[in-house]
Protein backbone atom coordinates (compact mmCIF):
# COMPACT_ATOMS: atom_id res chain seq x y z
CA MET A 1 20.26 -9.38 1.09
CA SER A 2 21.18 -12.98 0.35
CA SER A 3 18.61 -14.69 2.53
CA PHE A 4 15.87 -12.16 2.00
CA LYS A 5 12.74 -13.36 0.24
CA GLY A 6 10.38 -10.61 -0.84
CA TYR A 7 6.71 -10.87 -1.80
CA GLY A 8 5.44 -10.03 -5.27
CA LYS A 9 8.76 -8.51 -6.33
CA VAL A 10 8.65 -6.74 -9.67
CA ASP A 11 11.21 -7.31 -12.38
CA GLU A 12 14.05 -4.74 -12.26
CA LEU A 13 14.12 -4.10 -16.01
CA GLU A 14 10.35 -3.68 -16.04
CA GLU A 15 10.64 -1.23 -13.17
CA GLN A 16 13.29 0.87 -14.93
CA ALA A 17 11.27 0.94 -18.14
CA PHE A 18 8.21 2.08 -16.22
CA ARG A 19 10.15 4.95 -14.64
CA LEU A 20 11.41 6.20 -18.01
CA LYS A 21 7.95 6.00 -19.52
CA THR A 22 6.41 7.80 -16.56
CA ARG A 23 8.82 10.73 -16.80
CA LYS A 24 8.06 11.24 -20.49
CA ARG A 25 4.29 11.10 -20.03
CA LEU A 26 3.88 13.03 -16.79
CA LEU A 27 3.64 16.54 -18.22
CA ILE A 28 1.52 15.49 -21.18
CA VAL A 29 -0.96 13.59 -19.00
CA THR A 30 -1.27 16.42 -16.50
CA VAL A 31 -2.02 19.03 -19.15
CA SER A 32 -4.39 16.70 -21.00
CA VAL A 33 -6.41 15.94 -17.88
CA ILE A 34 -6.85 19.63 -17.08
CA VAL A 35 -8.01 20.40 -20.62
CA LEU A 36 -10.34 17.41 -20.79
CA LEU A 37 -11.95 18.19 -17.46
CA ALA A 38 -12.63 21.71 -18.66
CA VAL A 39 -14.27 20.29 -21.80
CA ILE A 40 -16.36 17.81 -19.79
CA ILE A 41 -17.59 20.39 -17.30
CA GLY A 42 -18.53 22.68 -20.16
CA ALA A 43 -20.24 19.88 -22.04
CA VAL A 44 -22.23 18.63 -19.07
CA THR A 45 -23.20 22.13 -18.00
CA GLY A 46 -24.32 22.83 -21.55
CA THR A 47 -26.36 19.65 -21.61
CA VAL A 48 -28.02 20.48 -18.30
CA ILE A 49 -28.86 24.02 -19.43
CA HIS A 50 -30.18 22.71 -22.71
CA ASN A 51 -32.40 20.13 -21.00
CA ARG A 52 -33.69 22.72 -18.56
CA ASN A 53 -34.45 25.13 -21.37
CA SER A 54 -36.14 22.36 -23.35
CA SER A 55 -38.43 21.55 -20.42
CA SER A 56 -39.62 25.15 -20.12
CA SER A 57 -41.36 27.44 -22.59
CA PRO A 58 -38.94 28.52 -25.31
CA SER A 59 -37.99 32.15 -25.45
CA PRO A 60 -37.45 33.79 -28.81
CA ASN A 61 -34.47 35.61 -27.36
CA THR A 62 -32.81 32.45 -26.00
CA GLU A 63 -30.34 30.63 -28.21
CA PRO A 64 -30.09 26.85 -27.76
CA ALA A 65 -27.15 25.63 -25.71
CA THR A 66 -24.36 23.98 -27.62
CA GLN A 67 -24.22 20.25 -27.06
CA LEU A 68 -21.37 17.83 -27.49
CA THR A 69 -22.04 14.88 -29.82
CA PRO A 70 -22.12 11.43 -28.18
CA SER A 71 -18.85 10.50 -29.85
CA ALA A 72 -17.09 13.65 -28.69
CA SER A 73 -18.53 13.25 -25.20
CA LEU A 74 -17.28 9.66 -24.98
CA LYS A 75 -13.83 10.72 -26.19
CA ALA A 76 -13.74 13.42 -23.54
CA VAL A 77 -14.79 11.00 -20.80
CA CYS A 78 -12.31 8.34 -21.94
CA GLY A 79 -9.60 10.97 -22.18
CA VAL A 80 -9.17 11.01 -18.40
CA THR A 81 -8.47 7.28 -18.22
CA GLN A 82 -5.17 5.42 -18.33
CA TYR A 83 -6.34 3.55 -21.43
CA PRO A 84 -8.40 5.95 -23.57
CA ASN A 85 -8.33 3.77 -26.70
CA SER A 86 -9.71 0.67 -25.02
CA CYS A 87 -12.22 2.83 -23.16
CA PHE A 88 -13.60 4.37 -26.36
CA SER A 89 -13.61 1.20 -28.45
CA SER A 90 -15.24 -0.99 -25.77
CA ILE A 91 -18.02 1.47 -24.89
CA SER A 92 -18.75 2.79 -28.38
CA SER A 93 -19.48 -0.75 -29.57
CA LEU A 94 -22.47 -0.99 -27.19
CA LYS A 95 -25.93 -0.18 -28.53
CA ASN A 96 -26.72 2.27 -25.73
CA SER A 97 -23.59 4.39 -26.18
CA ASN A 98 -25.41 7.14 -28.12
CA THR A 99 -25.47 9.47 -25.11
CA THR A 100 -23.66 12.49 -23.73
CA ASP A 101 -24.56 11.73 -20.10
CA PRO A 102 -21.37 10.95 -18.09
CA GLU A 103 -23.34 8.84 -15.64
CA ALA A 104 -24.74 6.69 -18.45
CA LEU A 105 -21.27 6.32 -19.95
CA PHE A 106 -19.92 5.27 -16.56
CA LYS A 107 -22.61 2.60 -16.28
CA LEU A 108 -21.66 1.31 -19.71
CA SER A 109 -18.01 1.16 -18.65
CA LEU A 110 -19.08 -1.01 -15.70
CA HIS A 111 -21.00 -3.36 -17.98
CA VAL A 112 -17.89 -3.72 -20.13
CA ALA A 113 -15.73 -4.40 -17.07
CA ILE A 114 -18.18 -6.96 -15.65
CA ASN A 115 -18.42 -8.85 -18.92
CA GLU A 116 -14.66 -9.06 -19.28
CA ALA A 117 -13.99 -9.95 -15.62
CA SER A 118 -16.60 -12.73 -15.83
CA LYS A 119 -14.60 -14.39 -18.61
CA LEU A 120 -11.66 -14.85 -16.22
CA LYS A 121 -13.55 -17.17 -13.90
CA ASP A 122 -13.02 -20.16 -16.22
CA LEU A 123 -9.27 -19.61 -16.64
CA PRO A 124 -8.06 -21.18 -13.34
CA THR A 125 -10.05 -24.34 -14.02
CA ALA A 126 -8.55 -24.63 -17.49
CA ILE A 127 -5.01 -24.19 -16.16
CA LYS A 128 -5.48 -26.67 -13.29
CA SER A 129 -6.14 -29.43 -15.77
CA LYS A 130 -2.62 -28.95 -17.18
CA ILE A 131 -0.39 -28.55 -14.13
CA GLY A 132 -0.17 -32.07 -12.77
CA ASN A 133 1.04 -32.52 -9.19
CA ASP A 134 2.40 -29.01 -8.50
CA THR A 135 1.09 -28.07 -5.06
CA LYS A 136 2.51 -24.52 -5.02
CA LEU A 137 1.04 -23.69 -8.41
CA GLU A 138 -2.24 -25.30 -7.43
CA SER A 139 -2.33 -23.11 -4.32
CA ALA A 140 -1.62 -19.97 -6.35
CA ILE A 141 -4.34 -20.80 -8.88
CA LYS A 142 -6.77 -21.35 -6.02
CA VAL A 143 -6.08 -17.74 -5.02
CA CYS A 144 -6.91 -16.64 -8.57
CA GLU A 145 -10.24 -18.50 -8.39
CA THR A 146 -11.16 -16.69 -5.17
CA VAL A 147 -10.15 -13.19 -6.17
CA PHE A 148 -11.64 -13.37 -9.68
CA ASP A 149 -14.99 -14.26 -8.13
CA ASP A 150 -14.65 -11.43 -5.61
CA ALA A 151 -13.74 -8.96 -8.36
CA VAL A 152 -16.93 -9.66 -10.30
CA ASP A 153 -18.98 -9.24 -7.13
CA LYS A 154 -17.44 -5.83 -6.42
CA LEU A 155 -18.17 -4.64 -9.95
CA ASN A 156 -21.77 -5.83 -9.64
CA ASP A 157 -22.05 -4.00 -6.31
CA SER A 158 -20.84 -0.86 -8.06
CA LEU A 159 -23.42 -1.19 -10.81
CA SER A 160 -26.21 -1.86 -8.31
CA ALA A 161 -25.23 1.27 -6.40
CA MET A 162 -26.08 3.33 -9.48
CA ASP A 163 -29.76 2.46 -9.12
CA VAL A 164 -31.31 5.23 -7.04
CA SER A 165 -34.67 5.44 -5.35
CA SER A 166 -36.98 8.38 -5.75
CA GLY A 167 -35.55 11.54 -4.19
CA GLU A 168 -32.11 10.04 -3.59
CA LYS A 169 -29.13 12.04 -4.74
CA LEU A 170 -27.17 9.95 -7.22
CA LEU A 171 -23.81 11.64 -6.92
CA SER A 172 -23.60 11.88 -3.14
CA GLU A 173 -20.14 11.97 -1.64
CA ALA A 174 -20.83 8.69 0.18
CA LYS A 175 -21.82 6.92 -3.04
CA ILE A 176 -18.78 8.23 -4.92
CA ASN A 177 -16.57 6.94 -2.09
CA ASP A 178 -18.26 3.53 -2.24
CA LEU A 179 -17.73 3.29 -5.98
CA LYS A 180 -14.08 4.26 -5.77
CA THR A 181 -13.53 1.76 -2.96
CA TRP A 182 -15.20 -1.20 -4.64
CA ILE A 183 -13.63 -0.67 -8.06
CA SER A 184 -10.24 -0.19 -6.39
CA ALA A 185 -10.83 -3.51 -4.61
CA THR A 186 -11.68 -5.16 -7.94
CA MET A 187 -8.32 -4.12 -9.33
CA THR A 188 -6.55 -5.28 -6.16
CA ASP A 189 -8.25 -8.67 -6.46
CA GLN A 190 -6.98 -9.17 -9.98
CA GLU A 191 -3.48 -7.99 -9.08
CA THR A 192 -3.45 -10.47 -6.19
CA CYS A 193 -3.75 -13.33 -8.65
CA LEU A 194 -0.60 -12.16 -10.44
CA ASP A 195 1.18 -11.61 -7.11
CA SER A 196 0.54 -15.23 -6.14
CA LEU A 197 1.88 -16.55 -9.44
CA GLU A 198 4.90 -14.22 -9.44
CA ASP A 199 5.69 -15.26 -5.89
CA ILE A 200 6.46 -18.80 -7.08
CA ASN A 201 8.04 -17.66 -10.37
CA SER A 202 5.37 -19.53 -12.28
CA THR A 203 5.66 -19.86 -16.05
CA TYR A 204 1.91 -19.12 -16.17
CA VAL A 205 2.33 -15.50 -15.06
CA GLN A 206 2.31 -14.20 -18.61
CA VAL A 207 -0.62 -16.42 -19.57
CA PHE A 208 -2.71 -14.88 -16.81
CA ARG A 209 -1.38 -11.37 -17.45
CA ASP A 210 -2.37 -11.57 -21.12
CA ALA A 211 -5.80 -12.98 -20.27
CA MET A 212 -6.36 -10.24 -17.68
CA GLN A 213 -5.24 -7.30 -19.80
CA ASN A 214 -8.67 -6.21 -21.02
CA SER A 215 -10.30 -6.78 -17.66
CA THR A 216 -7.60 -4.77 -15.88
CA GLU A 217 -7.85 -1.91 -18.35
CA TYR A 218 -11.66 -1.78 -18.28
CA ALA A 219 -11.77 -1.69 -14.48
CA SER A 220 -9.14 1.03 -14.49
CA ASN A 221 -11.22 3.00 -16.98
CA SER A 222 -14.32 2.80 -14.77
CA LEU A 223 -12.30 3.89 -11.75
CA ALA A 224 -10.86 6.89 -13.60
CA ILE A 225 -14.30 7.99 -14.75
CA VAL A 226 -15.82 7.87 -11.28
CA ALA A 227 -12.77 9.46 -9.65
CA LYS A 228 -12.11 12.25 -12.13
CA ILE A 229 -15.51 13.01 -13.63
CA LEU A 230 -18.40 11.84 -11.46
CA GLY A 231 -16.52 12.85 -8.32
CA LEU A 232 -15.77 16.28 -9.77
CA LEU A 233 -19.36 16.80 -10.90
CA SER A 234 -20.55 15.76 -7.46
CA ASN A 235 -18.28 18.34 -5.84
CA LEU A 236 -19.60 20.97 -8.24
CA ASN A 237 -23.15 19.80 -7.46
CA ILE A 238 -24.00 19.40 -11.15
CA PRO A 239 -26.94 16.97 -11.54
CA VAL A 240 -26.08 14.91 -14.59
CA HIS A 241 -28.83 12.32 -14.35
CA ARG A 242 -32.02 13.47 -16.05
CA ARG A 243 -34.23 12.14 -13.28
CA LEU A 244 -32.50 14.58 -10.94
CA LEU A 245 -32.84 17.74 -13.03
CA GLY A 246 -34.71 20.30 -11.00
CA TYR A 247 -34.39 18.28 -7.78
CA GLY A 248 -34.35 20.69 -4.87
CA GLY A 249 -32.08 18.93 -2.40
CA GLU A 250 -31.90 16.23 0.26
CA THR A 251 -35.03 15.01 2.00
CA SER A 252 -35.58 13.71 5.49
CA SER A 253 -36.13 10.23 4.08
CA VAL A 254 -32.48 9.90 3.04
CA PRO A 255 -30.80 7.80 5.77
CA GLU A 256 -27.79 9.22 7.54
CA PHE A 257 -26.01 5.87 7.36
CA PRO A 258 -26.15 2.81 5.08
CA GLY A 259 -29.35 0.80 5.45
CA TRP A 260 -27.52 -2.43 6.32
CA VAL A 261 -26.05 -0.92 9.52
CA SER A 262 -28.02 -1.66 12.67
CA PRO A 263 -28.53 1.21 15.13
CA GLY A 264 -27.44 -1.20 17.86
CA ASP A 265 -23.88 -1.06 16.53
CA ARG A 266 -23.51 2.32 18.23
CA ARG A 267 -23.43 0.59 21.60
CA LEU A 268 -21.72 -2.71 20.86
CA LEU A 269 -18.10 -1.73 21.34
CA GLN A 270 -18.79 0.07 24.61
CA GLN A 271 -20.84 -2.64 26.27
CA GLN A 272 -19.03 -4.93 28.67
CA ASN A 273 -21.62 -7.70 28.66
CA LEU A 274 -22.82 -8.18 25.12
CA THR A 275 -25.59 -10.59 24.23
CA ALA A 276 -24.17 -13.02 21.69
CA HIS A 277 -26.11 -14.96 19.11
CA VAL A 278 -23.69 -17.87 19.48
CA ILE A 279 -20.89 -18.72 21.90
CA VAL A 280 -17.69 -20.57 21.09
CA ALA A 281 -15.96 -22.48 23.91
CA LYS A 282 -13.28 -25.15 23.69
CA ASP A 283 -14.59 -26.86 26.80
CA GLY A 284 -18.03 -27.48 25.32
CA THR A 285 -19.89 -24.92 27.44
CA GLY A 286 -20.92 -22.89 24.38
CA ASP A 287 -22.85 -23.51 21.18
CA PHE A 288 -19.74 -24.57 19.25
CA LYS A 289 -16.22 -25.75 20.02
CA THR A 290 -14.59 -24.11 16.99
CA ILE A 291 -14.77 -20.60 15.57
CA GLN A 292 -15.32 -21.84 12.02
CA GLU A 293 -18.47 -23.67 13.12
CA ALA A 294 -19.82 -20.41 14.53
CA VAL A 295 -18.93 -18.55 11.33
CA ASN A 296 -20.75 -21.19 9.29
CA ALA A 297 -23.86 -20.50 11.36
CA VAL A 298 -23.98 -16.83 10.28
CA PRO A 299 -26.90 -16.26 7.87
CA THR A 300 -25.89 -15.41 4.31
CA LYS A 301 -25.71 -11.66 3.65
CA ASN A 302 -27.14 -10.92 7.07
CA LEU A 303 -28.41 -7.31 7.24
CA SER A 304 -28.43 -7.03 11.03
CA ARG A 305 -25.49 -7.41 13.40
CA PHE A 306 -24.62 -11.03 14.24
CA VAL A 307 -22.55 -11.33 17.43
CA ILE A 308 -20.16 -14.21 18.17
CA TYR A 309 -18.53 -14.50 21.60
CA VAL A 310 -15.33 -16.57 21.73
CA LYS A 311 -14.43 -17.62 25.25
CA GLN A 312 -10.91 -17.62 26.62
CA GLY A 313 -8.61 -20.23 25.10
CA THR A 314 -6.27 -20.93 22.19
CA TYR A 315 -8.17 -22.06 19.10
CA GLU A 316 -5.83 -23.85 16.72
CA GLU A 317 -7.66 -23.50 13.44
CA ASN A 318 -7.69 -21.53 10.20
CA VAL A 319 -10.87 -19.50 9.99
CA ASN A 320 -12.34 -18.28 6.70
CA MET A 321 -15.24 -15.81 6.78
CA ASP A 322 -16.15 -15.51 3.12
CA LYS A 323 -17.78 -12.63 1.27
CA SER A 324 -21.32 -13.89 2.04
CA LYS A 325 -20.92 -13.34 5.80
CA TRP A 326 -21.99 -9.74 6.44
CA ASN A 327 -22.10 -7.63 9.61
CA VAL A 328 -20.43 -10.06 11.99
CA MET A 329 -19.03 -8.88 15.31
CA MET A 330 -16.66 -11.26 17.07
CA TYR A 331 -15.33 -10.55 20.55
CA GLY A 332 -13.23 -12.43 23.06
CA ASP A 333 -11.99 -12.16 26.63
CA GLY A 334 -8.87 -10.17 25.72
CA LYS A 335 -6.11 -10.17 23.13
CA THR A 336 -3.88 -12.32 25.37
CA LYS A 337 -6.68 -14.64 26.50
CA THR A 338 -8.73 -15.45 23.38
CA ILE A 339 -6.23 -16.55 20.72
CA VAL A 340 -6.72 -17.84 17.19
CA SER A 341 -3.58 -19.71 16.14
CA GLY A 342 -2.41 -21.23 12.86
CA ASN A 343 0.84 -22.06 11.07
CA LEU A 344 0.19 -22.17 7.31
CA ASN A 345 3.10 -20.67 5.38
CA TYR A 346 4.72 -20.11 2.02
CA VAL A 347 7.68 -22.48 2.45
CA ASP A 348 5.42 -25.47 3.05
CA GLY A 349 3.50 -24.78 -0.15
CA THR A 350 0.63 -22.41 0.66
CA ALA A 351 0.21 -19.19 -1.31
CA THR A 352 0.65 -16.11 0.89
CA PHE A 353 -2.98 -15.07 0.43
CA ASN A 354 -4.17 -18.40 1.86
CA THR A 355 -1.73 -18.61 4.79
CA ALA A 356 -3.92 -16.38 6.97
CA THR A 357 -4.86 -17.85 10.33
CA PHE A 358 -8.04 -15.77 10.11
CA ALA A 359 -9.39 -14.36 6.83
CA VAL A 360 -12.47 -12.18 6.41
CA ALA A 361 -14.06 -10.86 3.23
CA GLY A 362 -17.68 -10.15 4.22
CA ARG A 363 -18.54 -6.49 4.69
CA GLY A 364 -18.90 -4.78 8.07
CA PHE A 365 -16.75 -7.10 10.21
CA ILE A 366 -15.89 -6.05 13.78
CA ALA A 367 -13.29 -7.78 15.98
CA LYS A 368 -12.68 -6.88 19.61
CA ASP A 369 -10.42 -8.29 22.33
CA ILE A 370 -8.97 -11.18 20.29
CA GLY A 371 -5.41 -12.20 19.39
CA PHE A 372 -4.48 -13.62 15.98
CA ILE A 373 -1.20 -15.54 15.60
CA ASN A 374 0.71 -17.37 12.90
CA THR A 375 3.28 -19.57 14.63
CA ALA A 376 5.16 -20.71 11.50
CA GLY A 377 8.21 -18.61 12.43
CA ALA A 378 10.73 -16.54 10.47
CA ALA A 379 12.23 -19.49 8.59
CA LYS A 380 8.91 -20.17 6.86
CA HIS A 381 8.88 -16.70 5.23
CA GLN A 382 5.40 -15.43 4.34
CA ALA A 383 2.92 -16.50 7.03
CA VAL A 384 -0.10 -14.24 7.58
CA ALA A 385 -1.83 -13.99 10.94
CA PHE A 386 -4.83 -12.02 9.68
CA ARG A 387 -6.18 -10.99 6.28
CA SER A 388 -9.02 -8.54 5.78
CA GLY A 389 -10.83 -7.63 2.59
CA SER A 390 -13.89 -6.58 4.58
CA ASP A 391 -15.23 -3.16 3.67
CA GLN A 392 -15.86 -0.87 6.64
CA SER A 393 -14.20 -3.31 9.03
CA VAL A 394 -13.09 -2.35 12.55
CA PHE A 395 -10.52 -3.92 14.87
CA CYS A 396 -10.40 -2.81 18.49
CA ARG A 397 -7.95 -4.00 21.19
CA CYS A 398 -6.78 -6.90 19.02
CA SER A 399 -3.28 -8.30 18.53
CA PHE A 400 -1.65 -9.59 15.35
CA ASP A 401 1.51 -11.63 15.86
CA ALA A 402 3.81 -13.30 13.31
CA PHE A 403 7.04 -12.60 11.42
CA GLN A 404 6.90 -11.88 7.66
CA ASP A 405 3.54 -10.57 6.33
CA THR A 406 1.73 -10.57 9.69
CA LEU A 407 -1.23 -8.35 8.80
CA TYR A 408 -2.61 -8.38 5.26
CA ALA A 409 -4.84 -5.32 4.90
CA HIS A 410 -5.85 -6.57 1.49
CA SER A 411 -8.58 -4.23 0.22
CA ASN A 412 -11.52 -1.92 1.00
CA ARG A 413 -11.86 0.43 4.02
CA GLN A 414 -10.43 -0.67 7.38
CA PHE A 415 -9.80 0.89 10.81
CA TYR A 416 -7.56 -0.39 13.63
CA ARG A 417 -7.68 1.15 17.10
CA ASP A 418 -5.62 0.24 20.21
CA CYS A 419 -4.17 -2.85 18.54
CA ASP A 420 -0.74 -4.54 18.78
CA ILE A 421 0.99 -5.57 15.54
CA THR A 422 4.27 -7.54 15.60
CA GLY A 423 6.45 -8.79 12.75
CA THR A 424 9.55 -8.51 10.58
CA ILE A 425 9.39 -8.13 6.78
CA ASP A 426 6.47 -6.15 5.28
CA PHE A 427 4.44 -7.04 8.33
CA ILE A 428 1.69 -4.52 7.54
CA PHE A 429 0.96 -4.85 3.83
CA GLY A 430 -1.76 -4.83 1.19
CA ASN A 431 -3.84 -2.34 -0.79
CA ALA A 432 -6.67 -1.35 1.52
CA ALA A 433 -7.59 2.19 2.50
CA VAL A 434 -6.57 1.69 6.11
CA VAL A 435 -5.97 3.84 9.18
CA PHE A 436 -4.12 2.61 12.28
CA GLN A 437 -4.76 4.78 15.34
CA ASN A 438 -3.27 4.50 18.82
CA CYS A 439 -1.70 1.15 17.97
CA ASN A 440 1.54 -0.42 19.20
CA ILE A 441 3.62 -1.43 16.19
CA LYS A 442 6.51 -3.69 17.18
CA PRO A 443 9.17 -4.92 14.74
CA ARG A 444 11.07 -7.95 16.01
CA GLN A 445 14.39 -9.70 15.34
CA PRO A 446 14.27 -11.50 11.96
CA MET A 447 16.58 -14.20 10.65
CA PRO A 448 20.29 -13.43 10.24
CA ASN A 449 21.05 -11.12 7.28
CA GLN A 450 17.42 -9.97 7.04
CA PHE A 451 16.08 -6.50 7.70
CA ASN A 452 12.68 -5.28 8.92
CA THR A 453 10.20 -3.26 6.91
CA ILE A 454 7.07 -2.26 8.80
CA THR A 455 4.92 -1.54 5.74
CA ALA A 456 4.64 -2.56 2.08
CA GLN A 457 1.78 -0.82 0.32
CA GLY A 458 0.39 -2.13 -2.97
CA LYS A 459 -1.32 0.71 -4.86
CA LYS A 460 -1.04 -0.09 -8.59
CA ASP A 461 -3.31 2.48 -10.25
CA PRO A 462 -3.16 6.26 -9.65
CA ASN A 463 -6.93 6.50 -9.22
CA GLN A 464 -7.22 3.89 -6.46
CA ASN A 465 -8.24 5.51 -3.16
CA THR A 466 -5.93 3.25 -1.16
CA GLY A 467 -2.95 3.59 1.16
CA ILE A 468 -1.66 3.04 4.69
CA SER A 469 -2.09 5.80 7.27
CA ILE A 470 -0.47 5.31 10.68
CA GLN A 471 -1.61 7.99 13.12
CA LYS A 472 -0.71 8.55 16.77
CA CYS A 473 0.85 5.10 17.08
CA THR A 474 3.88 3.96 19.05
CA ILE A 475 6.66 2.38 16.99
CA SER A 476 9.05 0.42 19.21
CA PRO A 477 10.95 -2.91 19.04
CA LEU A 478 9.47 -6.06 20.54
CA GLU A 479 12.86 -7.07 21.99
CA SER A 480 15.03 -4.50 23.74
CA ASN A 481 18.15 -6.04 22.16
CA MET A 482 16.89 -6.08 18.56
CA THR A 483 19.81 -5.43 16.18
CA ALA A 484 18.25 -5.78 12.70
CA LEU A 485 18.13 -2.82 10.35
CA THR A 486 14.56 -1.54 10.51
CA PHE A 487 12.67 0.78 8.16
CA LEU A 488 9.21 2.33 8.16
CA GLY A 489 8.48 0.64 4.86
CA ARG A 490 9.24 0.10 1.21
CA PRO A 491 7.16 0.77 -1.94
CA TRP A 492 5.68 -2.49 -3.18
CA LYS A 493 3.91 -1.10 -6.26
CA ASN A 494 4.35 1.88 -8.56
CA PHE A 495 1.84 4.16 -6.78
CA SER A 496 2.52 2.93 -3.26
CA THR A 497 1.11 5.35 -0.64
CA THR A 498 2.10 5.35 3.05
CA VAL A 499 2.14 8.09 5.70
CA PHE A 500 3.18 8.18 9.36
CA LEU A 501 1.35 10.92 11.27
CA GLN A 502 1.91 12.17 14.83
CA SER A 503 3.47 8.88 15.90
CA SER A 504 6.23 8.15 18.41
CA ILE A 505 9.23 6.46 16.76
CA GLY A 506 12.00 4.82 18.79
CA SER A 507 15.75 5.18 18.29
CA PHE A 508 16.04 1.72 16.69
CA LEU A 509 14.85 3.04 13.30
CA ASN A 510 17.46 3.37 10.56
CA PRO A 511 18.01 7.14 9.99
CA SER A 512 17.14 6.81 6.28
CA GLY A 513 13.63 5.86 7.38
CA TRP A 514 12.66 3.94 4.26
CA THR A 515 14.23 1.46 1.84
CA GLU A 516 13.84 0.49 -1.82
CA TRP A 517 11.96 -2.54 -3.07
CA ILE A 518 14.81 -3.25 -5.47
CA SER A 519 18.21 -2.68 -3.86
CA ASN A 520 19.93 0.53 -4.95
CA VAL A 521 17.12 1.44 -7.38
CA ASP A 522 15.06 4.47 -6.41
CA PRO A 523 11.30 3.86 -6.60
CA PRO A 524 9.28 5.67 -9.28
CA ASN A 525 8.36 9.26 -8.54
CA THR A 526 4.69 8.24 -8.63
CA ILE A 527 4.79 6.89 -5.05
CA PHE A 528 3.61 9.02 -2.11
CA TYR A 529 5.54 8.47 1.12
CA ALA A 530 5.42 11.05 3.87
CA GLU A 531 5.84 11.89 7.55
CA TYR A 532 4.04 14.49 9.65
CA GLN A 533 4.70 15.73 13.17
CA ASN A 534 6.18 12.49 14.46
CA SER A 535 8.11 12.46 17.73
CA GLY A 536 10.76 10.39 19.47
CA PRO A 537 14.45 9.80 18.74
CA GLY A 538 13.72 7.99 15.47
CA SER A 539 11.52 10.73 14.04
CA SER A 540 14.25 13.04 12.72
CA VAL A 541 14.02 13.42 8.93
CA ASP A 542 17.48 14.98 8.50
CA LYS A 543 18.97 11.80 7.01
CA ARG A 544 15.89 10.41 5.31
CA VAL A 545 15.82 9.09 1.72
CA THR A 546 15.80 11.68 -1.06
CA TRP A 547 13.31 9.95 -3.36
CA ALA A 548 11.22 12.17 -5.60
CA GLY A 549 8.08 10.57 -4.14
CA TYR A 550 9.03 11.07 -0.49
CA ARG A 551 7.85 14.06 1.56
CA PRO A 552 9.73 14.61 4.84
CA SER A 553 6.97 16.94 5.99
CA LEU A 554 3.40 17.77 5.04
CA THR A 555 1.22 20.82 5.49
CA ASP A 556 -1.76 20.48 7.81
CA THR A 557 -4.05 20.39 4.79
CA GLU A 558 -2.04 17.63 3.10
CA ALA A 559 -1.88 15.54 6.26
CA ALA A 560 -5.61 15.92 6.85
CA LYS A 561 -6.27 13.90 3.69
CA PHE A 562 -5.04 10.79 5.53
CA THR A 563 -7.23 11.07 8.62
CA VAL A 564 -10.20 8.88 9.50
CA GLU A 565 -12.64 11.51 8.27
CA SER A 566 -11.04 12.04 4.86
CA PHE A 567 -9.19 8.86 3.99
CA ILE A 568 -11.69 6.15 4.94
CA GLN A 569 -14.80 8.36 5.35
CA GLY A 570 -15.04 7.13 8.93
CA ASN A 571 -17.59 9.75 9.94
CA GLU A 572 -20.10 7.98 7.71
CA TRP A 573 -19.83 4.50 9.25
CA LEU A 574 -17.60 4.34 12.34
CA PRO A 575 -20.14 5.95 14.71
CA GLN A 576 -22.29 2.83 14.33
CA THR A 577 -19.59 0.70 15.93
CA ASN A 578 -19.04 3.04 18.88
CA VAL A 579 -15.31 2.37 18.81
CA ASN A 580 -13.21 5.32 19.91
CA PHE A 581 -11.68 7.24 17.03
CA GLU A 582 -10.31 10.65 16.21
CA THR A 583 -11.67 12.07 12.99
CA SER A 584 -8.95 14.61 12.31
CA LEU A 585 -5.40 15.64 13.22
């Protein structure tokens, strides 16, 4: 529509070309993956058998197992990636590539990805020296600086996770999930840089895209290897690391939960009178008068839970909790009593990523009984109330209030319970693996000639473990007289994934349910949009869109993939927080 301003909109010709290419490759890729996986399983099994036989006394009646050569093994591993040529050439050039071990090849792929991503960190500085007094471009490049740095950190975290202690199972399900999450977040970080530049139609988009090509491909290769090979071998319980050959199973020394999670987290969200490390109060009765001051007091990479209590009041500030602030819990006196308020916005020159009233990147963040608002208003377009890139973050009884782009679930694993989310265009968006449960989702009246889209999901790579799952929520308008066309969402990227499960949907919803990103152009068939057992007058799927990637109904088994237990592995980390949650359907 004429006054509508989207976020990160892709070029229409590029979109159409992608769809044609996808159709041609779909069958070939599917068959190739099946064949290659069969080869890999056979090769790894053969290697394991051979190593086991080599470690025992040889039998004259036992023929040696057939082994794949290192080159053939690498080709097989790279064959499951989106970019097999760059995968093979980048890894084979390394001196340690003379191996058939998939785990070792995965580690090498990470080294390649880290080296290439590290080169990007100097690019924003080089560009800034050329742009002059362009505040919007400067803001977008600042986003690139932040996300490039975060991307390298996530890749390093992934490599560090491959170092196992004695007796620890390398290919545990939890570790595979961590790796997929962090590498997915790396790719989201890099894509966010391009989104910020595309949002202002910068002439530097292609410069950055070209510079990022290798880094993007190498990260994608690592993600494909862990998702399609290491994950499969883990499910088959094939020990591919030589240190683990002959290992008999788990031991009592293996912790049930990650070591950085304090046992006290189990009680925190149920306690009414928590003991805070620091207190924030506008009237001076606490340790600090601003939230940012309290955040600055959090020790770097704190391994135990650090609790901040924010007393009742409206705190007009923009809070940034960077990636070094771990395991912070922040609670207030209620989502209508403790308010964090800001008004940064796109129209006034701030990149969408940096408009957030409250932004958190450090792992393990918990927020309870706080409201987050961006007061910029509809006329200012993109204006984020809250942005989270915090892995294993939890939000309980919080509110998020703005218009366009209210809640930016940027990356990593997130869970929202009993929260209120209000907005207009794409007001729940991003590329996290996120579940909303028992939340009130309230579209509101936008500007004239605009329509509402509740979600805009940004999955760019088929192997990312990301998507938006909205379960047992209530979808109803903020104003009883709202007249704007309203949709459940629209596909932001080519593999966009969004499901509404067991939710109550009001009569205000447009019967088609969903809308295109580009008007009158069906999204690629690689998206996954679905509904399951929803109720209410707006839940009928009789007149829904007929996209190839839309599913009007799911089986119980298909829907279960988007629950807390399966989609964000909540059973592994949510019990620590003691927030209420339902693991399944």
